[in-house]
Amino acid sequence: MKLLVAIDFSEITDKVLGQAKLLAKALSAEIWLLHVAEPEPDFVGYDADPLIMRDLAAETYKIWHQRVQDAAKALRAEGFSCTGLMIQGPTVDTILKEAERLQADMIVLGSHGKGLLARLIVGSSCEGVLRGTSVPVLVVPA
C-alpha cells in the first residue's frame, strides 16, 4: 500500500505527518512525502535582475528539498518506508499527477481551514484534490 502525503511545512505539517504515521503503521504502507513548490510567477513589469531572481528561487527550492529529505529521513529512522519528493508545479495538479504516477492507494493532506470568501476567490487545494481523484483522501484539519 502507498500513501501520498502532501506537506507544505505550515503549522499543520506535524499533524499531517502524525496521521500518516498512524495509517502507515496500521496498513503496513509505504509513505511518499510530497512538497509542491509553486512555479515562479512571471515578473512582468518588474525591474528585478533575472539572474538574482533565478538564484533566489534556486536557493529556496534547495531549502525546501532538504526539508523534505530531512522529514523522510526522520520517518525512516522511526522504521517507516519513506521517500521524499519536492516537485515544482501547480499544487492540485501536481498532487493528482503524482498520486496517479505512484499508483497511490490514499492521499493524506492538511486543510488550512480558510474561510468561505478565501475558498470562493482562490479555491482550496483540498477541494481540488477531492474532486480530481478516485482514491481515498484523508484531510487533516488545522
N, C-alpha and C. Protein backbone atom coordinates (compact mmCIF):
# COMPACT_ATOMS: atom_id res chain seq x y z
N MET A 1 0.85 -1.18 0.00
CA MET A 1 0.00 0.00 0.00
C MET A 1 0.88 1.23 0.00
N LYS A 2 0.46 2.26 -0.74
CA LYS A 2 1.22 3.51 -0.84
C LYS A 2 0.37 4.69 -0.39
N LEU A 3 0.96 5.50 0.49
CA LEU A 3 0.33 6.74 0.93
C LEU A 3 1.09 7.91 0.31
N LEU A 4 0.39 8.78 -0.38
CA LEU A 4 0.99 10.03 -0.85
C LEU A 4 0.62 11.09 0.18
N VAL A 5 1.62 11.64 0.84
CA VAL A 5 1.40 12.59 1.93
C VAL A 5 1.91 13.95 1.48
N ALA A 6 0.99 14.88 1.24
CA ALA A 6 1.35 16.22 0.79
C ALA A 6 1.62 17.10 2.02
N ILE A 7 2.80 17.70 2.05
CA ILE A 7 3.17 18.57 3.16
C ILE A 7 3.59 19.93 2.63
N ASP A 8 3.33 20.97 3.42
CA ASP A 8 3.67 22.32 2.98
C ASP A 8 4.51 23.09 4.00
N PHE A 9 4.92 22.41 5.06
CA PHE A 9 5.75 23.00 6.12
C PHE A 9 5.05 24.13 6.86
N SER A 10 3.73 24.11 6.87
CA SER A 10 2.97 25.07 7.66
C SER A 10 2.79 24.50 9.06
N GLU A 11 1.99 25.18 9.86
CA GLU A 11 1.77 24.76 11.25
C GLU A 11 1.05 23.42 11.36
N ILE A 12 0.41 22.95 10.29
CA ILE A 12 -0.29 21.66 10.38
C ILE A 12 0.52 20.48 9.86
N THR A 13 1.71 20.73 9.39
CA THR A 13 2.53 19.64 8.83
C THR A 13 2.75 18.53 9.85
N ASP A 14 3.03 18.87 11.10
CA ASP A 14 3.26 17.84 12.11
C ASP A 14 2.01 16.97 12.32
N LYS A 15 0.82 17.60 12.28
CA LYS A 15 -0.42 16.83 12.41
C LYS A 15 -0.62 15.89 11.22
N VAL A 16 -0.30 16.37 10.03
CA VAL A 16 -0.43 15.55 8.82
C VAL A 16 0.52 14.36 8.91
N LEU A 17 1.76 14.62 9.31
CA LEU A 17 2.73 13.53 9.44
C LEU A 17 2.31 12.54 10.52
N GLY A 18 1.74 13.03 11.61
CA GLY A 18 1.28 12.14 12.68
C GLY A 18 0.19 11.19 12.18
N GLN A 19 -0.75 11.72 11.42
CA GLN A 19 -1.82 10.88 10.88
C GLN A 19 -1.27 9.90 9.84
N ALA A 20 -0.31 10.36 9.05
CA ALA A 20 0.30 9.48 8.05
C ALA A 20 1.03 8.32 8.73
N LYS A 21 1.69 8.60 9.84
CA LYS A 21 2.40 7.53 10.56
C LYS A 21 1.41 6.51 11.12
N LEU A 22 0.30 6.98 11.68
CA LEU A 22 -0.71 6.06 12.19
C LEU A 22 -1.25 5.16 11.08
N LEU A 23 -1.56 5.76 9.94
CA LEU A 23 -2.07 4.98 8.81
C LEU A 23 -1.02 4.00 8.28
N ALA A 24 0.20 4.48 8.12
CA ALA A 24 1.25 3.63 7.58
C ALA A 24 1.50 2.43 8.49
N LYS A 25 1.46 2.66 9.78
CA LYS A 25 1.68 1.56 10.72
C LYS A 25 0.51 0.57 10.65
N ALA A 26 -0.71 1.08 10.65
CA ALA A 26 -1.89 0.21 10.65
C ALA A 26 -2.03 -0.58 9.35
N LEU A 27 -1.60 0.03 8.24
CA LEU A 27 -1.79 -0.58 6.93
C LEU A 27 -0.52 -1.17 6.33
N SER A 28 0.58 -1.12 7.10
CA SER A 28 1.89 -1.54 6.57
C SER A 28 2.17 -0.85 5.24
N ALA A 29 1.96 0.44 5.23
CA ALA A 29 2.06 1.22 3.99
C ALA A 29 3.40 1.92 3.85
N GLU A 30 3.74 2.16 2.62
CA GLU A 30 4.91 2.94 2.25
C GLU A 30 4.47 4.40 2.16
N ILE A 31 5.30 5.31 2.65
CA ILE A 31 4.96 6.74 2.64
C ILE A 31 5.78 7.45 1.56
N TRP A 32 5.08 8.23 0.76
CA TRP A 32 5.72 9.11 -0.21
C TRP A 32 5.39 10.54 0.21
N LEU A 33 6.38 11.26 0.75
CA LEU A 33 6.19 12.65 1.15
C LEU A 33 6.32 13.53 -0.08
N LEU A 34 5.40 14.46 -0.26
CA LEU A 34 5.44 15.35 -1.40
C LEU A 34 5.28 16.79 -0.94
N HIS A 35 6.25 17.61 -1.31
CA HIS A 35 6.12 19.06 -1.13
C HIS A 35 6.04 19.65 -2.53
N VAL A 36 5.00 20.42 -2.79
CA VAL A 36 4.83 21.05 -4.10
C VAL A 36 5.28 22.50 -4.00
N ALA A 37 6.27 22.83 -4.83
CA ALA A 37 6.76 24.20 -4.91
C ALA A 37 6.02 24.88 -6.06
N GLU A 38 5.26 25.88 -5.75
CA GLU A 38 4.52 26.60 -6.78
C GLU A 38 5.50 27.19 -7.79
N PRO A 39 5.13 27.20 -9.07
CA PRO A 39 6.01 27.79 -10.07
C PRO A 39 6.16 29.29 -9.82
N GLU A 40 7.32 29.80 -10.17
CA GLU A 40 7.56 31.23 -10.01
C GLU A 40 6.67 32.01 -10.97
N PRO A 41 6.09 33.12 -10.49
CA PRO A 41 5.26 33.93 -11.39
C PRO A 41 6.15 34.68 -12.39
N ASP A 42 5.55 35.06 -13.50
CA ASP A 42 6.26 35.91 -14.45
C ASP A 42 6.38 37.30 -13.83
N PHE A 43 7.54 37.87 -13.93
CA PHE A 43 7.77 39.18 -13.34
C PHE A 43 7.59 40.27 -14.38
N VAL A 44 6.40 40.33 -14.97
CA VAL A 44 6.09 41.31 -15.99
C VAL A 44 6.09 42.70 -15.35
N GLY A 45 6.84 43.60 -15.92
CA GLY A 45 6.89 44.96 -15.40
C GLY A 45 7.71 45.10 -14.14
N TYR A 46 8.41 44.06 -13.75
CA TYR A 46 9.21 44.07 -12.52
C TYR A 46 10.66 44.30 -12.91
N ASP A 47 11.34 45.23 -12.24
CA ASP A 47 12.70 45.59 -12.61
C ASP A 47 13.77 44.76 -11.92
N ALA A 48 13.43 43.61 -11.42
CA ALA A 48 14.40 42.77 -10.74
C ALA A 48 15.36 42.15 -11.76
N ASP A 49 16.58 41.95 -11.34
CA ASP A 49 17.59 41.29 -12.17
C ASP A 49 17.19 39.82 -12.31
N PRO A 50 17.01 39.33 -13.55
CA PRO A 50 16.59 37.93 -13.74
C PRO A 50 17.55 36.93 -13.12
N LEU A 51 18.84 37.22 -13.14
CA LEU A 51 19.80 36.30 -12.54
C LEU A 51 19.64 36.23 -11.03
N ILE A 52 19.39 37.37 -10.41
CA ILE A 52 19.18 37.40 -8.96
C ILE A 52 17.92 36.62 -8.61
N MET A 53 16.85 36.83 -9.38
CA MET A 53 15.59 36.13 -9.11
C MET A 53 15.77 34.62 -9.30
N ARG A 54 16.50 34.22 -10.33
CA ARG A 54 16.74 32.80 -10.58
C ARG A 54 17.54 32.18 -9.42
N ASP A 55 18.57 32.89 -8.98
CA ASP A 55 19.40 32.38 -7.89
C ASP A 55 18.60 32.29 -6.59
N LEU A 56 17.75 33.27 -6.34
CA LEU A 56 16.90 33.26 -5.14
C LEU A 56 15.94 32.07 -5.18
N ALA A 57 15.31 31.85 -6.34
CA ALA A 57 14.38 30.72 -6.48
C ALA A 57 15.13 29.40 -6.30
N ALA A 58 16.32 29.29 -6.88
CA ALA A 58 17.09 28.06 -6.75
C ALA A 58 17.45 27.78 -5.30
N GLU A 59 17.82 28.81 -4.56
CA GLU A 59 18.17 28.64 -3.15
C GLU A 59 16.95 28.23 -2.33
N THR A 60 15.81 28.83 -2.63
CA THR A 60 14.56 28.48 -1.93
C THR A 60 14.20 27.02 -2.19
N TYR A 61 14.27 26.59 -3.45
CA TYR A 61 13.95 25.20 -3.79
C TYR A 61 14.91 24.24 -3.12
N LYS A 62 16.17 24.63 -3.04
CA LYS A 62 17.17 23.78 -2.38
C LYS A 62 16.82 23.58 -0.90
N ILE A 63 16.38 24.65 -0.24
CA ILE A 63 15.99 24.57 1.18
C ILE A 63 14.77 23.67 1.34
N TRP A 64 13.75 23.84 0.50
CA TRP A 64 12.55 23.01 0.59
C TRP A 64 12.88 21.55 0.32
N HIS A 65 13.71 21.31 -0.67
CA HIS A 65 14.10 19.93 -0.98
C HIS A 65 14.79 19.30 0.22
N GLN A 66 15.67 20.04 0.87
CA GLN A 66 16.38 19.50 2.03
C GLN A 66 15.41 19.21 3.18
N ARG A 67 14.43 20.09 3.35
CA ARG A 67 13.44 19.86 4.42
C ARG A 67 12.62 18.60 4.16
N VAL A 68 12.24 18.36 2.91
CA VAL A 68 11.51 17.13 2.57
C VAL A 68 12.38 15.91 2.84
N GLN A 69 13.64 15.99 2.43
CA GLN A 69 14.55 14.86 2.64
C GLN A 69 14.79 14.61 4.13
N ASP A 70 14.89 15.68 4.92
CA ASP A 70 15.07 15.53 6.37
C ASP A 70 13.84 14.87 7.00
N ALA A 71 12.65 15.27 6.56
CA ALA A 71 11.42 14.67 7.09
C ALA A 71 11.34 13.19 6.72
N ALA A 72 11.72 12.86 5.49
CA ALA A 72 11.70 11.45 5.06
C ALA A 72 12.73 10.65 5.86
N LYS A 73 13.88 11.22 6.08
CA LYS A 73 14.93 10.54 6.85
C LYS A 73 14.46 10.27 8.28
N ALA A 74 13.77 11.25 8.88
CA ALA A 74 13.26 11.08 10.25
C ALA A 74 12.23 9.95 10.30
N LEU A 75 11.38 9.85 9.29
CA LEU A 75 10.40 8.76 9.25
C LEU A 75 11.08 7.41 9.06
N ARG A 76 12.10 7.38 8.23
CA ARG A 76 12.85 6.12 8.06
C ARG A 76 13.53 5.71 9.36
N ALA A 77 14.02 6.69 10.13
CA ALA A 77 14.65 6.40 11.41
C ALA A 77 13.64 5.80 12.40
N GLU A 78 12.35 6.10 12.21
CA GLU A 78 11.29 5.54 13.04
C GLU A 78 10.81 4.19 12.52
N GLY A 79 11.40 3.72 11.43
CA GLY A 79 11.06 2.40 10.90
C GLY A 79 10.10 2.39 9.73
N PHE A 80 9.73 3.55 9.23
CA PHE A 80 8.80 3.62 8.10
C PHE A 80 9.56 3.58 6.78
N SER A 81 8.94 3.00 5.78
CA SER A 81 9.48 3.07 4.42
C SER A 81 9.01 4.40 3.85
N CYS A 82 9.94 5.30 3.54
CA CYS A 82 9.55 6.66 3.16
C CYS A 82 10.50 7.23 2.11
N THR A 83 9.90 7.89 1.13
CA THR A 83 10.65 8.60 0.09
C THR A 83 10.14 10.03 0.05
N GLY A 84 11.06 10.99 -0.03
CA GLY A 84 10.70 12.40 -0.10
C GLY A 84 10.81 12.95 -1.51
N LEU A 85 9.81 13.73 -1.90
CA LEU A 85 9.80 14.36 -3.22
C LEU A 85 9.50 15.84 -3.09
N MET A 86 10.18 16.68 -3.87
CA MET A 86 9.84 18.08 -3.99
C MET A 86 9.69 18.35 -5.47
N ILE A 87 8.50 18.75 -5.88
CA ILE A 87 8.20 18.94 -7.29
C ILE A 87 7.61 20.32 -7.50
N GLN A 88 8.06 21.00 -8.54
CA GLN A 88 7.55 22.32 -8.85
C GLN A 88 6.35 22.20 -9.78
N GLY A 89 5.30 22.91 -9.45
CA GLY A 89 4.11 22.91 -10.31
C GLY A 89 2.91 23.42 -9.55
N PRO A 90 1.77 23.52 -10.22
CA PRO A 90 0.54 23.91 -9.55
C PRO A 90 0.17 22.84 -8.51
N THR A 91 -0.20 23.26 -7.32
CA THR A 91 -0.38 22.34 -6.20
C THR A 91 -1.33 21.18 -6.50
N VAL A 92 -2.56 21.47 -6.86
CA VAL A 92 -3.56 20.42 -7.04
C VAL A 92 -3.16 19.49 -8.19
N ASP A 93 -2.80 20.06 -9.33
CA ASP A 93 -2.42 19.22 -10.48
C ASP A 93 -1.23 18.34 -10.15
N THR A 94 -0.26 18.88 -9.43
CA THR A 94 0.94 18.10 -9.11
C THR A 94 0.62 16.96 -8.16
N ILE A 95 -0.21 17.21 -7.16
CA ILE A 95 -0.60 16.15 -6.23
C ILE A 95 -1.34 15.05 -6.99
N LEU A 96 -2.27 15.43 -7.84
CA LEU A 96 -3.05 14.44 -8.59
C LEU A 96 -2.16 13.64 -9.55
N LYS A 97 -1.25 14.30 -10.23
CA LYS A 97 -0.36 13.60 -11.16
C LYS A 97 0.57 12.63 -10.43
N GLU A 98 1.09 13.06 -9.28
CA GLU A 98 1.98 12.18 -8.52
C GLU A 98 1.22 10.99 -7.94
N ALA A 99 0.00 11.22 -7.49
CA ALA A 99 -0.81 10.12 -6.97
C ALA A 99 -1.04 9.08 -8.06
N GLU A 100 -1.30 9.54 -9.27
CA GLU A 100 -1.51 8.63 -10.39
C GLU A 100 -0.20 7.93 -10.76
N ARG A 101 0.88 8.70 -10.86
CA ARG A 101 2.17 8.13 -11.26
C ARG A 101 2.64 7.06 -10.28
N LEU A 102 2.46 7.33 -8.99
CA LEU A 102 2.90 6.40 -7.95
C LEU A 102 1.90 5.28 -7.70
N GLN A 103 0.72 5.41 -8.29
CA GLN A 103 -0.39 4.47 -8.03
C GLN A 103 -0.69 4.44 -6.53
N ALA A 104 -0.82 5.64 -5.96
CA ALA A 104 -1.10 5.78 -4.53
C ALA A 104 -2.46 5.18 -4.20
N ASP A 105 -2.51 4.55 -3.03
CA ASP A 105 -3.77 3.97 -2.56
C ASP A 105 -4.57 4.97 -1.74
N MET A 106 -3.88 6.02 -1.25
CA MET A 106 -4.54 7.04 -0.45
C MET A 106 -3.70 8.31 -0.48
N ILE A 107 -4.38 9.45 -0.42
CA ILE A 107 -3.71 10.75 -0.34
C ILE A 107 -4.01 11.32 1.05
N VAL A 108 -2.98 11.85 1.70
CA VAL A 108 -3.13 12.48 3.01
C VAL A 108 -2.65 13.92 2.86
N LEU A 109 -3.49 14.86 3.27
CA LEU A 109 -3.09 16.27 3.22
C LEU A 109 -3.80 17.06 4.29
N GLY A 110 -3.31 18.24 4.52
CA GLY A 110 -3.89 19.09 5.56
C GLY A 110 -4.81 20.15 4.98
N SER A 111 -5.74 20.58 5.81
CA SER A 111 -6.64 21.67 5.44
C SER A 111 -6.32 22.85 6.33
N HIS A 112 -6.16 24.01 5.72
CA HIS A 112 -5.83 25.21 6.49
C HIS A 112 -7.05 25.89 7.08
N GLY A 113 -8.21 25.41 6.75
CA GLY A 113 -9.43 25.97 7.34
C GLY A 113 -9.68 27.41 6.93
N LYS A 114 -9.42 27.74 5.67
CA LYS A 114 -9.68 29.09 5.19
C LYS A 114 -11.18 29.34 5.18
N GLY A 115 -11.54 30.58 5.29
CA GLY A 115 -12.95 30.94 5.30
C GLY A 115 -13.60 30.79 3.94
N LEU A 116 -14.90 30.94 3.92
CA LEU A 116 -15.68 30.79 2.69
C LEU A 116 -15.22 31.76 1.62
N LEU A 117 -14.97 33.00 1.96
CA LEU A 117 -14.57 34.00 0.97
C LEU A 117 -13.25 33.61 0.32
N ALA A 118 -12.28 33.18 1.11
CA ALA A 118 -10.98 32.77 0.56
C ALA A 118 -11.15 31.57 -0.37
N ARG A 119 -12.01 30.61 0.01
CA ARG A 119 -12.23 29.44 -0.84
C ARG A 119 -12.90 29.84 -2.15
N LEU A 120 -13.83 30.81 -2.09
CA LEU A 120 -14.51 31.24 -3.30
C LEU A 120 -13.57 31.97 -4.25
N ILE A 121 -12.65 32.75 -3.69
CA ILE A 121 -11.75 33.54 -4.53
C ILE A 121 -10.60 32.71 -5.08
N VAL A 122 -9.90 32.01 -4.22
CA VAL A 122 -8.71 31.29 -4.66
C VAL A 122 -8.89 29.78 -4.69
N GLY A 123 -9.99 29.28 -4.16
CA GLY A 123 -10.21 27.85 -4.14
C GLY A 123 -9.47 27.19 -2.99
N SER A 124 -9.59 25.91 -2.90
CA SER A 124 -8.94 25.15 -1.85
C SER A 124 -8.22 23.98 -2.48
N SER A 125 -6.98 23.78 -2.06
CA SER A 125 -6.22 22.63 -2.57
C SER A 125 -6.93 21.33 -2.21
N CYS A 126 -7.45 21.26 -0.98
CA CYS A 126 -8.16 20.05 -0.55
C CYS A 126 -9.34 19.76 -1.46
N GLU A 127 -10.13 20.79 -1.73
CA GLU A 127 -11.30 20.60 -2.58
C GLU A 127 -10.89 20.15 -3.98
N GLY A 128 -9.83 20.74 -4.51
CA GLY A 128 -9.36 20.37 -5.84
C GLY A 128 -8.90 18.92 -5.90
N VAL A 129 -8.19 18.48 -4.85
CA VAL A 129 -7.73 17.09 -4.81
C VAL A 129 -8.92 16.15 -4.66
N LEU A 130 -9.84 16.49 -3.75
CA LEU A 130 -11.02 15.64 -3.55
C LEU A 130 -11.82 15.46 -4.83
N ARG A 131 -11.96 16.53 -5.59
CA ARG A 131 -12.75 16.47 -6.83
C ARG A 131 -12.00 15.77 -7.96
N GLY A 132 -10.66 15.77 -7.90
CA GLY A 132 -9.89 15.28 -9.02
C GLY A 132 -9.35 13.88 -8.91
N THR A 133 -9.64 13.18 -7.82
CA THR A 133 -9.07 11.84 -7.66
C THR A 133 -10.16 10.82 -7.38
N SER A 134 -9.82 9.58 -7.65
CA SER A 134 -10.75 8.50 -7.35
C SER A 134 -10.26 7.67 -6.16
N VAL A 135 -9.08 8.03 -5.62
CA VAL A 135 -8.57 7.30 -4.45
C VAL A 135 -9.02 7.99 -3.18
N PRO A 136 -9.08 7.26 -2.07
CA PRO A 136 -9.48 7.89 -0.80
C PRO A 136 -8.52 9.02 -0.41
N VAL A 137 -9.07 10.05 0.21
CA VAL A 137 -8.29 11.19 0.68
C VAL A 137 -8.58 11.41 2.15
N LEU A 138 -7.52 11.48 2.94
CA LEU A 138 -7.66 11.84 4.36
C LEU A 138 -7.26 13.30 4.48
N VAL A 139 -8.21 14.13 4.91
CA VAL A 139 -7.95 15.56 5.12
C VAL A 139 -7.78 15.78 6.62
N VAL A 140 -6.61 16.27 7.00
CA VAL A 140 -6.31 16.54 8.40
C VAL A 140 -6.63 18.01 8.66
N PRO A 141 -7.58 18.29 9.56
CA PRO A 141 -7.97 19.68 9.79
C PRO A 141 -6.89 20.46 10.55
N ALA A 142 -6.89 21.76 10.33
CA ALA A 142 -5.93 22.64 11.02
C ALA A 142 -6.21 22.68 12.50
